[in-house]
N, C-alpha and C. Protein backbone atom coordinates (compact mmCIF):
# COMPACT_ATOMS: atom_id res chain seq x y z
N MET A 1 0.85 -1.16 0.01
CA MET A 1 0.04 0.02 0.05
C MET A 1 0.95 1.23 0.00
N ALA A 2 2.01 1.26 0.51
CA ALA A 2 2.94 2.33 0.61
C ALA A 2 3.57 2.54 -0.61
N LEU A 3 3.89 1.53 -1.31
CA LEU A 3 4.55 1.56 -2.67
C LEU A 3 3.96 2.51 -3.72
N PRO A 4 2.64 2.63 -3.89
CA PRO A 4 2.11 3.50 -4.80
C PRO A 4 2.25 4.96 -4.39
N LEU A 5 2.33 5.22 -3.17
CA LEU A 5 2.53 6.58 -2.58
C LEU A 5 4.06 7.00 -2.85
N VAL A 6 4.90 6.03 -2.65
CA VAL A 6 6.34 6.34 -2.80
C VAL A 6 6.55 6.54 -4.33
N LEU A 7 5.92 5.82 -5.19
CA LEU A 7 6.07 6.05 -6.59
C LEU A 7 5.49 7.39 -7.12
N MET A 8 4.31 7.63 -6.51
CA MET A 8 3.78 8.88 -6.94
C MET A 8 4.54 10.16 -6.41
N PHE A 9 5.16 10.01 -5.29
CA PHE A 9 6.03 11.02 -4.84
C PHE A 9 7.36 11.10 -5.76
N GLY A 10 7.79 10.03 -6.01
CA GLY A 10 9.06 10.01 -6.86
C GLY A 10 8.77 10.66 -8.40
N ILE A 11 7.63 10.34 -8.91
CA ILE A 11 7.27 10.79 -10.17
C ILE A 11 7.13 12.30 -10.05
N MET A 12 6.43 12.84 -9.07
CA MET A 12 6.17 14.16 -8.85
C MET A 12 7.51 15.02 -8.61
N TYR A 13 8.42 14.23 -8.01
CA TYR A 13 9.75 14.96 -7.74
C TYR A 13 10.42 15.22 -9.08
N PHE A 14 10.49 14.19 -9.84
CA PHE A 14 11.24 14.21 -11.16
C PHE A 14 10.47 15.12 -12.17
N LEU A 15 9.16 15.22 -12.20
CA LEU A 15 8.41 16.03 -13.12
C LEU A 15 8.25 17.39 -12.67
N LEU A 16 8.16 17.71 -11.40
CA LEU A 16 7.91 18.99 -10.93
C LEU A 16 8.97 19.65 -10.20
N PHE A 17 9.43 19.00 -9.16
CA PHE A 17 10.27 19.73 -8.22
C PHE A 17 11.70 19.93 -8.82
N LEU A 18 12.30 18.92 -9.49
CA LEU A 18 13.53 18.95 -9.95
C LEU A 18 13.72 20.04 -11.11
N PRO A 19 12.84 19.96 -12.04
CA PRO A 19 12.91 21.15 -13.03
C PRO A 19 12.82 22.61 -12.48
N MET A 20 11.92 22.69 -11.49
CA MET A 20 11.86 24.02 -10.80
C MET A 20 13.11 24.42 -10.07
N GLN A 21 13.81 23.45 -9.45
CA GLN A 21 15.13 23.71 -8.79
C GLN A 21 16.14 24.21 -9.80
N ARG A 22 16.25 23.48 -10.97
CA ARG A 22 17.16 23.82 -12.12
C ARG A 22 16.96 25.22 -12.61
N GLN A 23 15.59 25.53 -12.83
CA GLN A 23 15.19 26.90 -13.46
C GLN A 23 15.63 27.99 -12.42
N LYS A 24 15.33 27.67 -11.25
CA LYS A 24 15.64 28.72 -10.09
C LYS A 24 17.19 29.02 -10.04
N LYS A 25 18.00 28.02 -10.15
CA LYS A 25 19.39 27.99 -10.24
C LYS A 25 19.92 28.80 -11.36
N GLN A 26 19.29 28.47 -12.53
CA GLN A 26 19.72 29.23 -13.74
C GLN A 26 19.42 30.71 -13.64
N GLN A 27 18.22 31.05 -13.10
CA GLN A 27 17.80 32.59 -12.91
C GLN A 27 18.76 33.17 -11.95
N GLN A 28 19.12 32.48 -10.91
CA GLN A 28 20.10 33.05 -9.84
C GLN A 28 21.42 33.37 -10.56
N LYS A 29 21.83 32.33 -11.39
CA LYS A 29 23.16 32.44 -12.06
C LYS A 29 23.03 33.68 -13.04
N MET A 30 22.06 33.81 -13.78
CA MET A 30 21.91 34.94 -14.69
C MET A 30 21.90 36.24 -13.88
N LEU A 31 21.19 36.42 -12.79
CA LEU A 31 21.19 37.68 -12.10
C LEU A 31 22.45 37.97 -11.46
N SER A 32 23.22 36.98 -11.01
CA SER A 32 24.53 37.20 -10.46
C SER A 32 25.52 37.59 -11.50
N GLU A 33 25.42 37.24 -12.84
CA GLU A 33 26.31 37.58 -13.82
C GLU A 33 26.08 38.91 -14.57
N LEU A 34 24.95 39.62 -14.10
CA LEU A 34 24.63 40.87 -14.79
C LEU A 34 25.75 41.85 -14.72
N LYS A 35 26.05 42.55 -15.81
CA LYS A 35 27.02 43.57 -15.79
C LYS A 35 26.54 44.73 -16.46
N SER A 36 27.34 45.93 -16.43
CA SER A 36 26.95 47.14 -17.02
C SER A 36 27.06 46.98 -18.60
N GLY A 37 25.98 47.34 -19.28
CA GLY A 37 26.10 47.28 -20.74
C GLY A 37 25.13 46.06 -21.21
N ASP A 38 24.64 45.23 -20.32
CA ASP A 38 23.84 44.05 -20.77
C ASP A 38 22.42 44.78 -21.07
N VAL A 39 21.81 44.19 -22.09
CA VAL A 39 20.43 44.49 -22.42
C VAL A 39 19.49 43.46 -21.74
N VAL A 40 18.62 43.98 -20.93
CA VAL A 40 17.67 43.09 -20.24
C VAL A 40 16.24 43.35 -20.47
N VAL A 41 15.42 42.29 -20.27
CA VAL A 41 14.00 42.47 -20.37
C VAL A 41 13.48 42.19 -18.88
N THR A 42 12.60 43.09 -18.43
CA THR A 42 12.14 42.92 -17.15
C THR A 42 10.81 42.11 -17.22
N THR A 43 10.30 41.67 -16.06
CA THR A 43 9.01 40.91 -16.01
C THR A 43 7.80 41.67 -16.55
N GLY A 44 7.88 43.05 -16.47
CA GLY A 44 6.83 43.87 -16.98
C GLY A 44 6.99 44.13 -18.52
N GLY A 45 8.10 43.71 -19.16
CA GLY A 45 8.10 43.81 -20.59
C GLY A 45 9.07 44.90 -21.00
N ILE A 46 9.72 45.69 -20.09
CA ILE A 46 10.57 46.89 -20.39
C ILE A 46 11.79 46.32 -20.83
N VAL A 47 12.39 46.79 -21.98
CA VAL A 47 13.68 46.53 -22.41
C VAL A 47 14.61 47.67 -22.15
N GLY A 48 15.78 47.46 -21.73
CA GLY A 48 16.58 48.49 -21.40
C GLY A 48 18.00 48.02 -21.23
N THR A 49 19.07 48.92 -21.22
CA THR A 49 20.37 48.66 -21.01
C THR A 49 20.87 48.97 -19.56
N VAL A 50 21.58 48.04 -18.98
CA VAL A 50 21.97 48.19 -17.64
C VAL A 50 23.06 49.33 -17.57
N THR A 51 23.04 50.21 -16.76
CA THR A 51 24.00 51.33 -16.65
C THR A 51 24.54 51.38 -15.20
N GLY A 52 23.92 50.97 -14.17
CA GLY A 52 24.40 50.85 -12.84
C GLY A 52 23.95 49.67 -12.17
N LEU A 53 24.80 49.14 -11.21
CA LEU A 53 24.51 47.97 -10.51
C LEU A 53 24.62 48.30 -9.01
N ASP A 54 23.81 47.62 -7.98
CA ASP A 54 23.94 47.68 -6.78
C ASP A 54 23.62 46.21 -6.29
N LYS A 55 23.68 45.99 -4.91
CA LYS A 55 23.47 44.67 -4.43
C LYS A 55 22.04 44.12 -4.82
N ASP A 56 20.95 44.93 -4.62
CA ASP A 56 19.70 44.34 -4.80
C ASP A 56 19.03 45.05 -5.88
N THR A 57 19.52 46.30 -6.50
CA THR A 57 18.94 46.98 -7.56
C THR A 57 19.85 47.29 -8.74
N LEU A 58 19.25 47.68 -9.83
CA LEU A 58 20.01 48.12 -10.94
C LEU A 58 19.37 49.26 -11.64
N VAL A 59 20.16 50.04 -12.32
CA VAL A 59 19.60 51.13 -13.05
C VAL A 59 19.77 50.73 -14.66
N ILE A 60 18.42 50.88 -15.29
CA ILE A 60 18.51 50.63 -16.66
C ILE A 60 18.12 51.87 -17.47
N ARG A 61 18.72 52.00 -18.61
CA ARG A 61 18.38 53.14 -19.48
C ARG A 61 17.49 52.60 -20.55
N VAL A 62 16.41 53.28 -20.78
CA VAL A 62 15.25 52.92 -21.65
C VAL A 62 15.26 53.86 -22.91
N LYS A 63 15.49 53.40 -24.10
CA LYS A 63 15.45 54.29 -25.25
C LYS A 63 14.04 54.53 -25.64
N PRO A 64 13.67 55.44 -26.43
CA PRO A 64 14.38 56.53 -27.14
C PRO A 64 14.72 57.77 -26.31
N ASP A 65 14.00 57.92 -25.06
CA ASP A 65 14.17 59.11 -24.22
C ASP A 65 15.33 59.08 -23.36
N ASN A 66 16.06 58.10 -23.38
CA ASN A 66 17.18 57.91 -22.52
C ASN A 66 16.70 58.00 -20.92
N LEU A 67 15.51 57.56 -20.79
CA LEU A 67 14.89 57.43 -19.43
C LEU A 67 15.62 56.38 -18.66
N LYS A 68 15.93 56.75 -17.37
CA LYS A 68 16.61 55.92 -16.39
C LYS A 68 15.63 55.35 -15.31
N LEU A 69 15.67 54.08 -15.14
CA LEU A 69 14.67 53.39 -14.20
C LEU A 69 15.61 52.65 -13.22
N GLN A 70 15.18 52.59 -12.01
CA GLN A 70 15.76 51.80 -10.98
C GLN A 70 14.79 50.56 -10.78
N VAL A 71 15.30 49.44 -10.95
CA VAL A 71 14.58 48.21 -10.77
C VAL A 71 15.24 47.19 -9.83
N THR A 72 14.51 46.37 -9.19
CA THR A 72 15.15 45.23 -8.38
C THR A 72 15.69 44.21 -9.29
N ARG A 73 16.76 43.57 -8.86
CA ARG A 73 17.28 42.44 -9.70
C ARG A 73 16.20 41.34 -9.91
N ALA A 74 15.41 41.13 -8.92
CA ALA A 74 14.37 40.04 -9.10
C ALA A 74 13.42 40.37 -10.22
N CYS A 75 13.29 41.57 -10.65
CA CYS A 75 12.44 42.00 -11.65
C CYS A 75 12.99 41.70 -13.21
N VAL A 76 14.22 41.27 -13.37
CA VAL A 76 14.81 41.01 -14.50
C VAL A 76 14.34 39.60 -14.85
N ALA A 77 13.73 39.58 -16.13
CA ALA A 77 13.32 38.18 -16.63
C ALA A 77 14.37 37.48 -17.37
N SER A 78 15.04 38.27 -18.48
CA SER A 78 16.05 37.60 -19.26
C SER A 78 17.16 38.72 -19.69
N VAL A 79 18.22 38.22 -20.20
CA VAL A 79 19.21 39.09 -20.73
C VAL A 79 19.21 38.79 -22.24
N VAL A 80 19.08 39.81 -23.04
CA VAL A 80 19.13 39.68 -24.54
C VAL A 80 20.55 39.48 -25.01
N PRO A 81 20.83 38.38 -25.66
CA PRO A 81 22.14 38.22 -26.13
C PRO A 81 22.51 39.17 -27.29
N PRO A 82 23.74 39.62 -27.33
CA PRO A 82 24.22 40.44 -28.26
C PRO A 82 24.02 39.93 -29.67
N PRO A 83 23.77 40.80 -30.77
CA PRO A 83 23.69 40.31 -32.20
C PRO A 83 24.80 39.42 -32.61
N GLY A 84 24.45 38.32 -33.23
CA GLY A 84 25.45 37.37 -33.63
C GLY A 84 25.90 36.30 -32.75
N GLU A 85 25.56 36.39 -31.51
CA GLU A 85 25.82 35.45 -30.54
C GLU A 85 24.74 34.40 -30.37
N THR A 86 25.11 33.13 -30.49
CA THR A 86 24.05 32.12 -30.35
C THR A 86 23.92 31.62 -28.85
N THR A 87 22.74 31.38 -28.50
CA THR A 87 22.44 30.77 -27.20
C THR A 87 22.38 29.29 -27.25
N ALA A 88 22.25 28.67 -26.13
CA ALA A 88 22.09 27.24 -25.93
C ALA A 88 20.79 26.76 -26.85
N VAL A 89 19.77 27.53 -26.73
CA VAL A 89 18.53 27.14 -27.31
C VAL A 89 18.74 27.18 -28.88
N GLN A 90 19.49 28.16 -29.36
CA GLN A 90 19.63 28.33 -30.84
C GLN A 90 20.58 27.26 -31.44
N LYS A 91 21.41 26.67 -30.65
CA LYS A 91 22.39 25.85 -31.16
C LYS A 91 21.79 24.55 -31.79
């Protein structure tokens, strides 16, 4: 009777929890490797260039008005690769 419960937990671990942990680690790595000059996309859809970094926040410049916004690092959804550079998904 305990075997089906153990199997269900094992399946849930490999299908749900393990991929979530990997995604979280990748996101943390991406946030820790941010540097000035990177083009980022926020969770709100704002695209801008990083001009300043702090421990928990960063300043991004949004074109065309050269508007500067201060956002938290957790707000960054992705980093846009420079033109001509391939990512792991594109290979």
